[in-house]
Amino acid sequence: MPPISDHPLRYATVNELHARPFPSLEVPSTAVYVAIKEPFAAVNRDRTQDLSHLLALLDRHGSAHPQPGATHFQGPIGRSELKWESHTEFVTYTAFSRGVSKRPFDPAEAQVLPEDWLATAPGKRLTSVLIRVELMPASDEDLFAQLDDWFVPESLAVSRVVDGAAVIAGDFRIDPAGHMRFAVFVQPGTGPRRIGRIVQRLCEIETYRAMSMLGLMRSRDLSAKLNTLDPRLSALVSGLDNAEPAPEAALHDLLIISAELESLAVHFSFRFGATAAYEAIVNQRIQVLRETRIEGRQTFAEFMMRRYDPAMRTVKSAESRLRGMAERAQRAAELLRTRVDVERSAQNQKLLESMDKRADLQLRLQRTVEGLSVVAISYYAVSLAAYLAYPLAKALHMGKEALTAALVLPVVGLVWLLVRRIRKALH
């Protein structure tokens, strides 16, 4: 018996689970992370340009190329290890190097991704991060002394993570060189892969935070448009019980507003959906770090709760407002259509009554005309009958006047019966 055949996508679906492994980092080390995104229509961008940009960097160092159509790559560039990933809306470059500079967060560390090469990127820099990984200081006093020297105390977030294996810190501010800074202090004996997971999660938190904040910028644009449409919609809804304007004109204006709202929903739906997905990733990445507080300092979760969550609530509020206005417009349109239908029904009823009156008048006129036609036909019929019966009347010694008078009633009766029979046959 031949072996059972595999589904054509079996291996592809399994390999996808292992496509983006966590880096393995020694202590001390430095990570330089850059995310690049097209400002507009990033989902439909030409991904071959992303791959060409990666190949240009690899060719500078004589490194091997990824497979055609690849969405991820990991390999050496000089003395650093490069990790490249292509996502739905952006691409990321992460360079891991052993050792740290004497000057903390020296901008020269970022030169592992050359500035002239970055300038040719098919997109704009969304985020740039320097991560410094070193051993845990001997005491918390030494730790906080370094953190107060490196970061802005007002926005500093710091916590112990992964069951106390490390301390992470950052102030979510962009330094004069254009980079965001994070520090990772590792307990001795912590495994390289655990360190790599911590660093990777910091990069993901910053990237998806930046991506989700794009939804805030778009929601502000949407709110400005809704602020313009809301008074128009409210005025139309408030005037539903007024005689002016005419229901047809109000319905036309309401349909214009509904079309604008539907256009906005189509235009913003992807960004709102993506924002919700990115927000969920940020919260999940923070949750898996398993933070614990250090001497009353705010954790990453608390920082996000105070600074990040209100922005996400603003996005959800704008989305909910758009949905609510669209539903209001739909309900108002249904009410106006009902009002128009009722008024048209009343007009049709009046028209039918008018048609009934006209039909009654036509019937009366028809009967009058029938009576006149009986008289007219009888007149000519009596004349013809008199001519036909004149010889007989002459034989009977009857005068013409008497003959005519004798013929009037029978002829009129016959004509009336004939007209009535014809009318019944037509009906």
Protein backbone atom coordinates (compact mmCIF):
# COMPACT_ATOMS: atom_id res chain seq x y z
CA MET A 1 0.00 0.00 0.00
CA PRO A 2 1.40 3.46 -0.89
CA PRO A 3 1.85 5.84 2.08
CA ILE A 4 -0.85 8.42 2.75
CA SER A 5 -0.25 11.76 1.03
CA ASP A 6 0.41 14.90 3.04
CA HIS A 7 -1.69 18.01 2.70
CA PRO A 8 0.23 20.44 0.44
CA LEU A 9 0.37 23.03 3.26
CA ARG A 10 1.21 20.65 6.12
CA TYR A 11 4.91 21.47 6.37
CA ALA A 12 4.36 25.15 5.62
CA THR A 13 1.94 25.51 8.53
CA VAL A 14 4.31 23.72 10.91
CA ASN A 15 7.37 25.65 9.76
CA GLU A 16 5.51 28.91 10.36
CA LEU A 17 5.52 28.09 14.08
CA HIS A 18 9.33 28.13 14.04
CA ALA A 19 9.84 30.90 11.50
CA ARG A 20 10.79 33.63 13.99
CA PRO A 21 12.88 32.12 16.81
CA PHE A 22 13.99 34.26 19.74
CA PRO A 23 17.58 35.47 19.63
CA SER A 24 20.23 34.02 21.91
CA LEU A 25 22.16 36.80 23.68
CA GLU A 26 25.19 36.78 25.94
CA VAL A 27 25.92 39.33 28.65
CA PRO A 28 26.91 42.06 27.99
CA SER A 29 25.42 42.80 24.59
CA THR A 30 23.72 45.52 22.57
CA ALA A 31 20.62 45.38 20.38
CA VAL A 32 19.83 47.96 17.70
CA TYR A 33 16.25 47.78 16.49
CA VAL A 34 14.55 49.68 13.65
CA ALA A 35 10.99 49.37 12.29
CA ILE A 36 10.22 50.86 8.87
CA LYS A 37 6.73 51.53 7.53
CA GLU A 38 5.25 53.10 4.43
CA PRO A 39 3.21 56.16 5.52
CA PHE A 40 0.27 55.26 3.25
CA ALA A 41 -1.21 51.97 2.02
CA ALA A 42 1.48 49.95 3.77
CA VAL A 43 -0.56 46.77 3.47
CA ASN A 44 -0.42 46.94 -0.34
CA ARG A 45 3.22 48.00 -0.59
CA ASP A 46 5.66 46.40 -3.01
CA ARG A 47 7.35 43.85 -0.76
CA THR A 48 10.06 43.17 -3.30
CA GLN A 49 11.47 46.60 -2.41
CA ASP A 50 11.73 45.53 1.23
CA LEU A 51 13.67 42.45 0.19
CA SER A 52 15.90 44.47 -2.15
CA HIS A 53 16.71 46.85 0.70
CA LEU A 54 17.71 43.90 2.89
CA LEU A 55 19.91 42.47 0.12
CA ALA A 56 21.68 45.81 -0.21
CA LEU A 57 22.71 45.58 3.47
CA LEU A 58 23.75 41.93 3.18
CA ASP A 59 25.84 42.66 0.10
CA ARG A 60 27.80 45.28 2.02
CA HIS A 61 29.02 42.52 4.32
CA GLY A 62 29.14 39.71 1.78
CA SER A 63 26.48 37.78 3.68
CA ALA A 64 24.26 35.04 2.30
CA HIS A 65 20.88 35.97 0.84
CA PRO A 66 17.49 34.72 2.04
CA GLN A 67 15.24 32.60 -0.15
CA PRO A 68 13.17 34.48 -2.79
CA GLY A 69 9.89 35.69 -1.30
CA ALA A 70 11.13 35.19 2.28
CA THR A 71 9.38 37.07 5.09
CA HIS A 72 12.11 36.54 7.70
CA PHE A 73 15.87 36.13 7.77
CA GLN A 74 18.62 35.72 10.33
CA GLY A 75 22.32 35.84 9.57
CA PRO A 76 25.61 37.61 10.27
CA ILE A 77 26.54 41.11 9.14
CA GLY A 78 30.10 41.76 10.17
CA ARG A 79 30.51 41.12 13.88
CA SER A 80 26.79 41.41 14.53
CA GLU A 81 23.86 39.10 14.02
CA LEU A 82 20.99 40.48 11.92
CA LYS A 83 17.36 39.51 12.28
CA TRP A 84 14.94 40.76 9.59
CA GLU A 85 11.17 40.30 9.59
CA SER A 86 8.49 41.41 7.14
CA HIS A 87 5.10 42.08 8.76
CA THR A 88 1.74 43.10 7.39
CA GLU A 89 2.40 46.85 7.57
CA PHE A 90 6.09 47.18 8.38
CA VAL A 91 9.51 45.54 8.33
CA THR A 92 11.94 45.29 11.24
CA TYR A 93 15.71 45.07 11.46
CA THR A 94 17.44 43.97 14.67
CA ALA A 95 21.23 43.82 14.98
CA PHE A 96 22.66 42.03 18.03
CA SER A 97 26.27 42.72 18.99
CA ARG A 98 28.40 41.39 21.83
CA GLY A 99 29.64 43.88 24.38
CA VAL A 100 28.48 47.39 25.27
CA SER A 101 29.99 50.80 24.67
CA LYS A 102 31.72 52.70 27.48
CA ARG A 103 29.31 55.53 26.94
CA PRO A 104 25.79 54.22 27.67
CA PHE A 105 23.56 54.29 24.61
CA ASP A 106 26.25 55.73 22.40
CA PRO A 107 24.68 56.74 19.04
CA ALA A 108 27.66 55.08 17.37
CA GLU A 109 26.17 51.71 18.33
CA ALA A 110 23.38 52.33 15.82
CA GLN A 111 25.87 52.55 12.97
CA VAL A 112 25.64 48.80 12.61
CA LEU A 113 22.65 49.79 10.45
CA PRO A 114 24.31 52.54 8.34
CA GLU A 115 22.55 55.88 8.02
CA ASP A 116 23.06 56.12 4.25
CA TRP A 117 21.53 52.66 3.84
CA LEU A 118 18.57 53.56 6.09
CA ALA A 119 18.01 56.71 4.02
CA THR A 120 17.21 54.53 0.99
CA ALA A 121 14.62 52.44 2.84
CA PRO A 122 11.25 52.01 1.07
CA GLY A 123 9.33 53.71 3.85
CA LYS A 124 9.82 55.88 6.93
CA ARG A 125 11.31 55.06 10.30
CA LEU A 126 8.50 54.16 12.68
CA THR A 127 10.67 53.42 15.71
CA SER A 128 14.33 53.08 16.55
CA VAL A 129 15.54 51.45 19.77
CA LEU A 130 18.87 50.93 21.53
CA ILE A 131 18.85 48.16 24.13
CA ARG A 132 21.75 47.75 26.53
CA VAL A 133 22.11 44.34 28.22
CA GLU A 134 24.51 44.00 31.15
CA LEU A 135 24.87 42.23 34.48
CA MET A 136 22.80 43.27 37.47
CA PRO A 137 24.53 45.87 39.68
CA ALA A 138 25.64 44.81 43.14
CA SER A 139 22.85 46.73 44.90
CA ASP A 140 19.56 48.46 44.15
CA GLU A 141 21.22 51.79 45.03
CA ASP A 142 23.77 51.32 42.24
CA LEU A 143 20.98 50.20 39.89
CA PHE A 144 18.85 53.28 40.52
CA ALA A 145 21.86 55.56 40.33
CA GLN A 146 22.50 54.31 36.80
CA LEU A 147 18.84 54.54 35.84
CA ASP A 148 18.50 58.10 37.12
CA ASP A 149 21.57 59.01 35.09
CA TRP A 150 20.36 57.34 31.88
CA PHE A 151 16.62 58.07 31.85
CA VAL A 152 14.12 60.82 32.62
CA PRO A 153 12.91 60.03 36.16
CA GLU A 154 9.42 61.44 35.61
CA SER A 155 8.55 58.84 32.95
CA LEU A 156 10.89 56.03 34.00
CA ALA A 157 9.30 52.58 34.10
CA VAL A 158 11.28 49.81 35.80
CA SER A 159 10.45 46.34 37.10
CA ARG A 160 11.77 42.88 37.80
CA VAL A 161 10.64 40.43 35.15
CA VAL A 162 10.54 36.70 34.42
CA ASP A 163 10.57 35.60 38.05
CA GLY A 164 13.35 38.03 39.00
CA ALA A 165 15.75 36.91 36.27
CA ALA A 166 16.22 40.49 35.03
CA VAL A 167 15.34 44.12 35.55
CA ILE A 168 14.07 46.14 32.59
CA ALA A 169 13.91 49.91 32.42
CA GLY A 170 12.99 52.62 29.94
CA ASP A 171 11.43 56.07 29.78
CA PHE A 172 9.73 55.81 26.34
CA ARG A 173 11.40 59.03 25.19
CA ILE A 174 13.35 59.70 22.01
CA ASP A 175 16.90 60.86 22.68
CA PRO A 176 18.66 63.60 20.66
CA ALA A 177 20.07 60.95 18.30
CA GLY A 178 16.55 59.77 17.44
CA HIS A 179 16.55 56.50 19.41
CA MET A 180 14.45 55.16 22.24
CA ARG A 181 16.42 53.54 25.08
CA PHE A 182 15.86 50.40 27.13
CA ALA A 183 18.15 48.79 29.66
CA VAL A 184 18.15 45.12 30.68
CA PHE A 185 20.04 44.10 33.81
CA VAL A 186 20.44 40.34 34.02
CA GLN A 187 21.08 38.12 37.01
CA PRO A 188 24.21 35.94 36.70
CA GLY A 189 23.43 32.51 35.30
CA THR A 190 20.43 33.62 33.24
CA GLY A 191 20.28 31.65 30.00
CA PRO A 192 21.01 33.35 26.64
CA ARG A 193 17.63 32.41 25.20
CA ARG A 194 15.77 33.86 28.18
CA ILE A 195 17.71 37.09 27.71
CA GLY A 196 16.82 37.01 24.01
CA ARG A 197 13.14 36.60 24.80
CA ILE A 198 13.20 39.60 27.15
CA VAL A 199 14.91 41.78 24.54
CA GLN A 200 12.56 40.60 21.79
CA ARG A 201 9.53 41.42 23.91
CA LEU A 202 10.82 44.93 24.60
CA CYS A 203 11.21 45.47 20.86
CA GLU A 204 7.69 44.17 20.24
CA ILE A 205 6.19 46.34 23.00
CA GLU A 206 7.69 49.45 21.47
CA THR A 207 6.81 48.52 17.89
CA TYR A 208 3.19 47.61 18.52
CA ARG A 209 2.80 50.58 20.85
CA ALA A 210 3.91 52.85 18.01
CA MET A 211 1.66 51.08 15.50
CA SER A 212 -1.38 51.30 17.75
CA MET A 213 -0.73 54.99 18.42
CA LEU A 214 -1.21 55.59 14.70
CA GLY A 215 -4.85 54.82 15.40
CA LEU A 216 -4.93 57.74 17.85
CA MET A 217 -3.74 60.14 15.17
CA ARG A 218 -6.36 58.82 12.75
CA SER A 219 -9.09 58.97 15.40
CA ARG A 220 -8.37 62.68 15.88
CA ASP A 221 -8.87 63.26 12.17
CA LEU A 222 -12.08 61.23 12.34
CA SER A 223 -13.35 63.20 15.34
CA ALA A 224 -12.88 66.46 13.44
CA LYS A 225 -14.99 65.10 10.55
CA LEU A 226 -17.64 63.76 12.93
CA ASN A 227 -17.80 67.13 14.68
CA THR A 228 -18.84 68.59 11.33
CA LEU A 229 -21.41 65.92 10.53
CA ASP A 230 -22.96 65.63 13.98
CA PRO A 231 -24.79 69.03 13.99
CA ARG A 232 -26.18 68.36 10.51
CA LEU A 233 -27.43 64.94 11.54
CA SER A 234 -28.88 66.28 14.82
CA ALA A 235 -30.70 69.06 12.99
CA LEU A 236 -32.26 66.60 10.57
CA VAL A 237 -33.29 64.25 13.35
CA SER A 238 -34.78 67.12 15.39
CA GLY A 239 -36.78 68.27 12.37
CA LEU A 240 -38.42 64.94 11.62
CA ASP A 241 -41.77 66.15 13.03
CA ASN A 242 -41.69 69.52 11.26
CA ALA A 243 -43.42 70.31 8.00
CA GLU A 244 -40.31 72.03 6.67
CA PRO A 245 -38.24 70.92 4.95
CA ALA A 246 -40.21 68.51 2.81
CA PRO A 247 -39.64 64.86 3.75
CA GLU A 248 -38.17 64.11 0.32
CA ALA A 249 -35.61 66.90 0.68
CA ALA A 250 -34.76 65.87 4.24
CA LEU A 251 -34.37 62.26 3.14
CA HIS A 252 -32.02 63.35 0.36
CA ASP A 253 -29.86 65.32 2.83
CA LEU A 254 -29.90 62.40 5.25
CA LEU A 255 -28.76 59.99 2.56
CA ILE A 256 -25.84 62.32 1.80
CA ILE A 257 -24.81 62.25 5.47
CA SER A 258 -25.23 58.47 5.61
CA ALA A 259 -23.03 58.10 2.54
CA GLU A 260 -20.34 60.26 4.15
CA LEU A 261 -20.50 58.20 7.37
CA GLU A 262 -20.28 54.96 5.41
CA SER A 263 -17.28 56.30 3.50
CA LEU A 264 -15.59 57.19 6.80
CA ALA A 265 -16.32 53.73 8.17
CA VAL A 266 -14.72 52.11 5.13
CA HIS A 267 -11.75 54.47 5.29
CA PHE A 268 -11.03 53.98 8.99
CA SER A 269 -12.16 50.40 9.60
CA PHE A 270 -8.80 48.79 8.84
CA ARG A 271 -6.85 51.17 11.08
CA PHE A 272 -9.26 50.69 13.97
CA GLY A 273 -9.15 46.92 13.60
CA ALA A 274 -5.35 46.96 13.42
CA THR A 275 -5.14 49.25 16.45
CA ALA A 276 -7.21 46.84 18.53
CA ALA A 277 -4.98 43.95 17.45
CA TYR A 278 -1.77 45.86 18.23
CA GLU A 279 -3.11 46.97 21.62
CA ALA A 280 -3.84 43.35 22.50
CA ILE A 281 -0.28 42.38 21.55
CA VAL A 282 1.22 45.16 23.69
CA ASN A 283 -0.79 44.10 26.74
CA GLN A 284 0.01 40.43 26.16
CA ARG A 285 3.75 41.07 25.80
CA ILE A 286 3.77 43.07 29.05
CA GLN A 287 1.78 40.38 30.81
CA VAL A 288 4.18 37.56 29.87
CA LEU A 289 7.08 39.54 31.37
CA ARG A 290 5.52 38.84 34.80
CA GLU A 291 6.54 42.15 36.32
CA THR A 292 7.11 42.83 40.02
CA ARG A 293 7.55 46.29 41.51
CA ILE A 294 10.91 47.64 42.68
CA GLU A 295 10.84 50.09 45.61
CA GLY A 296 7.59 51.73 44.58
CA ARG A 297 8.73 52.56 41.04
CA GLN A 298 6.10 52.33 38.30
CA THR A 299 6.14 49.20 36.20
CA PHE A 300 5.70 49.00 32.44
CA ALA A 301 2.10 47.93 32.98
CA GLU A 302 1.40 50.97 35.18
CA PHE A 303 3.09 53.28 32.71
CA MET A 304 0.90 51.93 29.91
CA MET A 305 -2.19 52.20 32.09
CA ARG A 306 -1.51 55.91 32.72
CA ARG A 307 -0.09 57.00 29.37
CA TYR A 308 -1.12 54.43 26.76
CA ASP A 309 -4.56 53.14 27.77
CA PRO A 310 -6.24 56.60 27.57
CA ALA A 311 -5.06 56.89 23.97
CA MET A 312 -6.56 53.51 23.15
CA ARG A 313 -9.81 54.49 24.84
CA THR A 314 -9.88 57.59 22.65
CA VAL A 315 -9.56 55.40 19.56
CA LYS A 316 -12.37 53.13 20.78
CA SER A 317 -14.50 56.17 21.59
CA ALA A 318 -14.07 57.56 18.07
CA GLU A 319 -14.89 54.18 16.57
CA SER A 320 -17.97 53.85 18.79
CA ARG A 321 -19.06 57.38 17.93
CA LEU A 322 -18.79 56.67 14.22
CA ARG A 323 -20.80 53.49 14.62
CA GLY A 324 -23.42 55.27 16.74
CA MET A 325 -23.83 58.13 14.24
CA ALA A 326 -24.21 55.65 11.40
CA GLU A 327 -26.93 53.84 13.34
CA ARG A 328 -28.67 57.14 14.16
CA ALA A 329 -28.60 58.11 10.50
CA GLN A 330 -30.02 54.73 9.54
CA ARG A 331 -32.85 54.98 12.07
CA ALA A 332 -33.63 58.54 10.98
CA ALA A 333 -33.68 57.44 7.35
CA GLU A 334 -36.13 54.67 8.19
CA LEU A 335 -38.39 57.15 10.02
CA LEU A 336 -38.26 59.56 7.09
CA ARG A 337 -39.02 56.77 4.64
CA THR A 338 -42.00 55.80 6.80
CA ARG A 339 -43.18 59.41 6.84
CA VAL A 340 -42.79 59.69 3.09
CA ASP A 341 -44.66 56.41 2.58
CA VAL A 342 -47.52 57.54 4.84
CA GLU A 343 -47.83 60.88 3.04
CA ARG A 344 -47.73 59.16 -0.32
CA SER A 345 -50.40 56.72 0.85
CA ALA A 346 -52.60 59.67 1.86
CA GLN A 347 -51.99 61.31 -1.53
CA ASN A 348 -52.84 58.06 -3.28
CA GLN A 349 -56.05 57.77 -1.22
CA LYS A 350 -57.07 61.26 -2.25
CA LEU A 351 -56.22 60.46 -5.83
CA LEU A 352 -58.36 57.33 -5.70
CA GLU A 353 -61.27 59.31 -4.24
CA SER A 354 -60.89 61.85 -7.00
CA MET A 355 -60.83 59.05 -9.57
CA ASP A 356 -64.01 57.59 -8.04
CA LYS A 357 -65.74 60.94 -8.34
CA ARG A 358 -64.62 61.25 -11.93
CA ALA A 359 -65.82 57.73 -12.69
CA ASP A 360 -69.21 58.55 -11.15
CA LEU A 361 -69.47 61.72 -13.24
CA GLN A 362 -68.47 59.79 -16.32
CA LEU A 363 -71.15 57.21 -15.57
CA ARG A 364 -73.77 59.88 -15.18
CA LEU A 365 -72.63 61.57 -18.34
CA GLN A 366 -72.65 58.21 -20.11
CA ARG A 367 -76.23 57.56 -19.02
CA THR A 368 -77.23 61.05 -20.13
CA VAL A 369 -75.55 60.50 -23.47
CA GLU A 370 -77.27 57.11 -23.75
CA GLY A 371 -80.64 58.77 -23.13
CA LEU A 372 -79.95 61.41 -25.74
CA SER A 373 -78.74 58.76 -28.15
CA VAL A 374 -81.98 56.82 -27.66
CA VAL A 375 -83.94 59.97 -28.52
CA ALA A 376 -81.76 60.70 -31.56
CA ILE A 377 -81.86 57.14 -32.87
CA SER A 378 -85.58 56.93 -32.21
CA TYR A 379 -86.16 60.16 -34.14
CA TYR A 380 -84.49 58.80 -37.24
CA ALA A 381 -85.97 55.35 -36.75
CA VAL A 382 -89.52 56.79 -36.52
CA SER A 383 -88.92 58.75 -39.71
CA LEU A 384 -87.72 55.67 -41.57
CA ALA A 385 -90.54 53.54 -40.18
CA ALA A 386 -93.11 56.19 -41.22
CA TYR A 387 -91.78 56.11 -44.78
CA LEU A 388 -91.97 52.32 -44.81
CA ALA A 389 -95.47 52.20 -43.32
CA TYR A 390 -96.93 55.10 -45.34
CA PRO A 391 -98.40 52.94 -48.13
CA LEU A 392 -100.15 50.80 -45.50
CA ALA A 393 -101.44 53.89 -43.71
CA LYS A 394 -102.74 55.25 -47.02
CA ALA A 395 -104.60 52.02 -47.58
CA LEU A 396 -106.09 52.30 -44.09
CA HIS A 397 -107.03 55.93 -44.77
CA MET A 398 -104.67 57.16 -41.96
CA GLY A 399 -102.98 60.49 -42.03
CA LYS A 400 -99.20 60.85 -41.94
CA GLU A 401 -99.30 62.57 -38.57
CA ALA A 402 -101.39 59.80 -37.03
CA LEU A 403 -99.08 57.15 -38.48
CA THR A 404 -96.01 58.85 -37.10
CA ALA A 405 -97.60 59.25 -33.69
CA ALA A 406 -98.54 55.57 -33.65
CA LEU A 407 -94.96 54.54 -34.44
CA VAL A 408 -93.21 56.70 -31.79
CA LEU A 409 -93.74 54.56 -28.71
CA PRO A 410 -92.96 51.16 -30.24
CA VAL A 411 -89.84 52.46 -31.99
CA VAL A 412 -88.55 54.24 -28.87
CA GLY A 413 -89.11 51.10 -26.82
CA LEU A 414 -87.27 48.93 -29.34
CA VAL A 415 -84.32 51.36 -29.53
CA TRP A 416 -84.11 51.55 -25.73
CA LEU A 417 -84.06 47.75 -25.43
CA LEU A 418 -81.39 47.47 -28.12
CA VAL A 419 -79.10 50.08 -26.47
CA ARG A 420 -79.49 48.42 -23.09
CA ARG A 421 -78.65 45.01 -24.52
CA ILE A 422 -75.51 46.39 -26.20
CA ARG A 423 -74.38 48.00 -22.93
CA LYS A 424 -74.82 44.76 -21.02
CA ALA A 425 -72.86 42.89 -23.65
CA LEU A 426 -69.99 45.40 -23.37
CA HIS A 427 -69.91 45.17 -19.56
